[in-house]
Amino acid sequence: MVKLKMCSVALACALIAGCASAPPSAAVALFDAQGFGAFELVTTPAGTMEGVLMARPGGVIAVAGNPSGYVATRATYTNYRLHAEWRWPGKPGNGGVLLHIQGRPKDRVWPLSQQVQTKFGAAGDLLPMAGASFAEPLTTAPGAATPIKAHSAADSELPAGAWNSMDVVCRDGTIEVSINGVAQNRVTASSPASGRIGFQLEGAPYELRNVTVATLP
């Protein structure tokens, strides 16, 4: 009887420990062959999804640089791991991934969000957009028109035309960014700390592939 109780206690502890260290959910592709119905397009002037996103062979998504704005998931996310790969098929330019999008645009065409910069030569910078904030100090001067926390390690972006990879972990207000496997940025106390995920249109066409998100426990 004592042995049975001990086994029951051990099993319960094992189950609790297993729940506490539950693995992240399987990564889910944000873009699929069923079209782009999972996304909303927000641009100025108004555009069409067909004119902004185009599916190409091999799971590649061609993203037009115009009109200015972004495409955003309709779903919202809080604690998650985002993976995305991008490249500049032509002349490299400006772009970014928006995290924790809340509401409609407040600053020109940009919503309240945290931007991970993919601008050529600045990949991994973090920009609090339209009033967003985090605990760490910016690297731009006080009052700068574009507030930036620059990436911390040496540039790890690949030459124009090559595929780059971005991995972002968002958990309880902390955002960690790696570019091509190199840790480049980290902030805490992000506000907002949850929301939609978006991809910017800032004038230069680019391509995406292997864009996935996995929910963290």
Protein backbone atom coordinates (compact mmCIF):
# COMPACT_ATOMS: atom_id res chain seq x y z
CA MET A 1 0.00 0.00 0.00
CA VAL A 2 2.85 2.37 0.93
CA LYS A 3 4.66 1.52 -2.29
CA LEU A 4 1.48 2.21 -4.29
CA LYS A 5 1.08 5.64 -2.66
CA MET A 6 4.73 6.46 -3.31
CA CYS A 7 4.36 5.49 -6.95
CA SER A 8 1.23 7.64 -7.24
CA VAL A 9 3.05 10.63 -5.75
CA ALA A 10 6.02 10.09 -8.06
CA LEU A 11 3.72 9.87 -11.08
CA ALA A 12 1.91 13.08 -10.07
CA CYS A 13 5.22 14.91 -9.64
CA ALA A 14 6.39 13.68 -13.02
CA LEU A 15 3.19 14.90 -14.65
CA ILE A 16 3.49 18.31 -12.98
CA ALA A 17 7.12 18.62 -14.02
CA GLY A 18 6.20 17.63 -17.55
CA CYS A 19 3.53 20.32 -17.69
CA ALA A 20 5.93 22.94 -16.31
CA SER A 21 8.48 22.18 -19.01
CA ALA A 22 6.02 21.62 -21.84
CA PRO A 23 7.65 22.08 -25.24
CA PRO A 24 6.54 24.82 -27.64
CA SER A 25 3.79 24.00 -30.09
CA ALA A 26 4.75 22.80 -33.55
CA ALA A 27 5.74 25.64 -35.86
CA VAL A 28 2.91 26.73 -38.16
CA ALA A 29 3.47 28.33 -41.55
CA LEU A 30 2.00 31.83 -41.75
CA PHE A 31 1.81 31.73 -45.55
CA ASP A 32 0.29 28.71 -47.27
CA ALA A 33 -0.98 27.54 -50.62
CA GLN A 34 -4.57 28.51 -49.76
CA GLY A 35 -4.00 32.19 -50.46
CA PHE A 36 -3.54 35.17 -48.18
CA GLY A 37 -6.88 35.22 -46.37
CA ALA A 38 -5.08 34.98 -43.00
CA PHE A 39 -3.66 38.46 -43.58
CA GLU A 40 -5.00 42.00 -43.69
CA LEU A 41 -3.49 44.66 -45.96
CA VAL A 42 -3.12 48.19 -44.59
CA THR A 43 -1.63 50.72 -47.03
CA THR A 44 -1.76 54.36 -48.05
CA PRO A 45 -3.05 54.77 -50.69
CA ALA A 46 -5.27 51.68 -50.60
CA GLY A 47 -3.86 48.68 -52.43
CA THR A 48 -4.91 45.12 -53.19
CA MET A 49 -3.52 41.92 -51.75
CA GLU A 50 -2.98 40.61 -55.29
CA GLY A 51 -0.83 43.64 -56.06
CA VAL A 52 1.26 43.29 -52.92
CA LEU A 53 1.81 39.54 -52.38
CA MET A 54 2.53 36.90 -55.00
CA ALA A 55 3.17 33.20 -54.41
CA ARG A 56 6.12 31.81 -56.35
CA PRO A 57 7.53 28.28 -56.73
CA GLY A 58 9.33 26.76 -53.77
CA GLY A 59 7.18 28.44 -51.15
CA VAL A 60 8.60 31.88 -51.90
CA ILE A 61 6.37 34.93 -51.36
CA ALA A 62 7.22 38.01 -53.42
CA VAL A 63 6.42 41.21 -51.52
CA ALA A 64 5.98 44.46 -53.43
CA GLY A 65 7.45 47.57 -51.89
CA ASN A 66 4.44 49.74 -52.64
CA PRO A 67 2.07 51.20 -51.65
CA SER A 68 3.49 52.12 -48.24
CA GLY A 69 2.10 50.09 -45.37
CA TYR A 70 2.10 46.50 -44.18
CA VAL A 71 0.38 43.12 -44.28
CA ALA A 72 -0.58 41.74 -40.87
CA THR A 73 -1.87 38.45 -39.53
CA ARG A 74 -5.49 38.49 -38.45
CA ALA A 75 -4.52 36.31 -35.49
CA THR A 76 -2.82 37.75 -32.41
CA TYR A 77 0.15 36.25 -30.56
CA THR A 78 1.66 36.69 -27.10
CA ASN A 79 4.44 34.22 -26.25
CA TYR A 80 5.90 32.78 -29.43
CA ARG A 81 8.93 32.04 -31.58
CA LEU A 82 8.92 33.57 -35.07
CA HIS A 83 11.19 32.40 -37.87
CA ALA A 84 11.40 34.20 -41.20
CA GLU A 85 13.79 34.19 -44.14
CA TRP A 86 14.11 37.12 -46.55
CA ARG A 87 16.24 38.38 -49.39
CA TRP A 88 16.49 41.30 -51.78
CA PRO A 89 16.10 39.96 -55.36
CA GLY A 90 17.04 43.35 -56.79
CA LYS A 91 18.42 46.53 -55.29
CA PRO A 92 18.35 46.19 -51.49
CA GLY A 93 16.35 48.70 -49.51
CA ASN A 94 14.17 49.16 -46.45
CA GLY A 95 11.83 46.74 -44.72
CA GLY A 96 10.93 45.25 -41.39
CA VAL A 97 8.86 42.81 -39.37
CA LEU A 98 6.27 44.29 -37.02
CA LEU A 99 5.61 42.55 -33.70
CA HIS A 100 2.72 43.07 -31.27
CA ILE A 101 0.67 45.21 -33.67
CA GLN A 102 -2.16 46.95 -31.83
CA GLY A 103 -4.91 48.88 -33.59
CA ARG A 104 -4.72 50.93 -36.76
CA PRO A 105 -1.91 53.22 -37.98
CA LYS A 106 -1.02 56.11 -35.66
CA ASP A 107 2.25 57.34 -37.19
CA ARG A 108 1.80 57.93 -40.94
CA VAL A 109 1.08 54.35 -42.05
CA TRP A 110 2.60 52.61 -39.02
CA PRO A 111 0.66 51.08 -36.11
CA LEU A 112 1.60 50.78 -32.46
CA SER A 113 4.12 47.92 -32.62
CA GLN A 114 7.74 46.87 -32.22
CA GLN A 115 9.69 46.72 -35.48
CA VAL A 116 12.57 44.33 -36.13
CA GLN A 117 14.50 46.07 -38.86
CA THR A 118 15.42 44.24 -42.05
CA LYS A 119 16.67 47.40 -43.75
CA PHE A 120 19.84 46.59 -45.66
CA GLY A 121 22.79 47.30 -43.40
CA ALA A 122 20.66 47.57 -40.25
CA ALA A 123 19.17 44.09 -39.83
CA GLY A 124 18.41 43.38 -36.19
CA ASP A 125 17.77 46.95 -35.05
CA LEU A 126 14.65 47.38 -32.89
CA LEU A 127 12.30 50.34 -33.36
CA PRO A 128 9.43 51.16 -31.00
CA MET A 129 6.72 52.33 -33.40
CA ALA A 130 3.96 54.92 -32.89
CA GLY A 131 4.41 55.17 -29.13
CA ALA A 132 5.58 51.65 -28.29
CA SER A 133 8.25 51.31 -25.62
CA PHE A 134 10.66 48.98 -23.83
CA ALA A 135 12.91 49.25 -20.77
CA GLU A 136 16.31 49.46 -22.45
CA PRO A 137 17.74 52.82 -23.62
CA LEU A 138 17.71 53.79 -27.28
CA THR A 139 20.94 54.28 -29.20
CA THR A 140 19.57 57.26 -31.11
CA ALA A 141 19.67 60.76 -29.64
CA PRO A 142 16.81 61.87 -27.39
CA GLY A 143 13.93 63.16 -29.47
CA ALA A 144 15.13 61.52 -32.70
CA ALA A 145 12.43 61.38 -35.37
CA THR A 146 13.02 57.63 -35.68
CA PRO A 147 13.82 56.03 -32.31
CA ILE A 148 16.15 53.04 -32.66
CA LYS A 149 17.92 50.53 -30.44
CA ALA A 150 20.69 49.39 -32.77
CA HIS A 151 21.75 45.76 -33.02
CA SER A 152 24.51 44.90 -30.56
CA ALA A 153 26.83 42.48 -32.37
CA ALA A 154 28.80 42.93 -35.58
CA ASP A 155 26.65 42.89 -38.71
CA SER A 156 25.53 39.34 -39.47
CA GLU A 157 23.44 40.17 -42.54
CA LEU A 158 24.43 38.38 -45.75
CA PRO A 159 25.21 40.10 -49.06
CA ALA A 160 22.32 41.35 -51.19
CA GLY A 161 20.65 38.49 -53.06
CA ALA A 162 21.39 35.88 -50.37
CA TRP A 163 18.74 34.47 -48.07
CA ASN A 164 18.88 35.83 -44.51
CA SER A 165 17.17 34.26 -41.51
CA MET A 166 15.57 35.95 -38.53
CA ASP A 167 14.58 34.27 -35.29
CA VAL A 168 12.56 36.22 -32.73
CA VAL A 169 11.50 34.94 -29.33
CA CYS A 170 8.79 36.93 -27.55
CA ARG A 171 7.93 35.93 -24.00
CA ASP A 172 6.23 37.97 -21.27
CA GLY A 173 7.33 41.30 -22.71
CA THR A 174 10.89 40.24 -23.56
CA ILE A 175 11.95 40.26 -27.22
CA GLU A 176 15.12 38.50 -28.38
CA VAL A 177 16.33 38.83 -31.98
CA SER A 178 18.89 36.75 -33.87
CA ILE A 179 19.98 37.35 -37.46
CA ASN A 180 21.55 34.39 -39.26
CA GLY A 181 22.13 32.69 -35.92
CA VAL A 182 23.80 35.69 -34.24
CA ALA A 183 22.11 37.27 -31.22
CA GLN A 184 21.62 40.92 -32.20
CA ASN A 185 19.09 42.50 -29.84
CA ARG A 186 17.17 42.02 -26.63
CA VAL A 187 14.65 44.21 -24.83
CA THR A 188 12.40 43.75 -21.83
CA ALA A 189 9.11 45.22 -20.60
CA SER A 190 7.84 45.67 -24.13
CA SER A 191 4.66 47.67 -24.44
CA PRO A 192 2.67 46.32 -26.15
CA ALA A 193 3.60 42.74 -25.28
CA SER A 194 1.19 40.96 -27.64
CA GLY A 195 -0.61 41.53 -30.90
CA ARG A 196 -0.50 40.73 -34.58
CA ILE A 197 2.57 40.08 -36.74
CA GLY A 198 3.18 42.14 -39.87
CA PHE A 199 5.56 42.65 -42.78
CA GLN A 200 6.32 46.17 -43.96
CA LEU A 201 6.12 47.69 -47.43
CA GLU A 202 8.72 50.46 -47.57
CA GLY A 203 9.52 50.98 -51.24
CA ALA A 204 11.82 48.04 -52.05
CA PRO A 205 10.52 44.65 -53.25
CA TYR A 206 11.76 41.62 -51.31
CA GLU A 207 11.02 37.93 -50.94
CA LEU A 208 10.00 35.79 -47.97
CA ARG A 209 10.08 32.06 -47.32
CA ASN A 210 9.83 29.62 -44.39
CA VAL A 211 7.83 32.06 -42.25
CA THR A 212 6.64 30.13 -39.20
CA VAL A 213 5.39 30.80 -35.71
CA ALA A 214 5.37 28.45 -32.72
CA THR A 215 3.42 29.23 -29.56
CA LEU A 216 5.49 29.04 -26.37
CA PRO A 217 4.07 27.63 -23.13
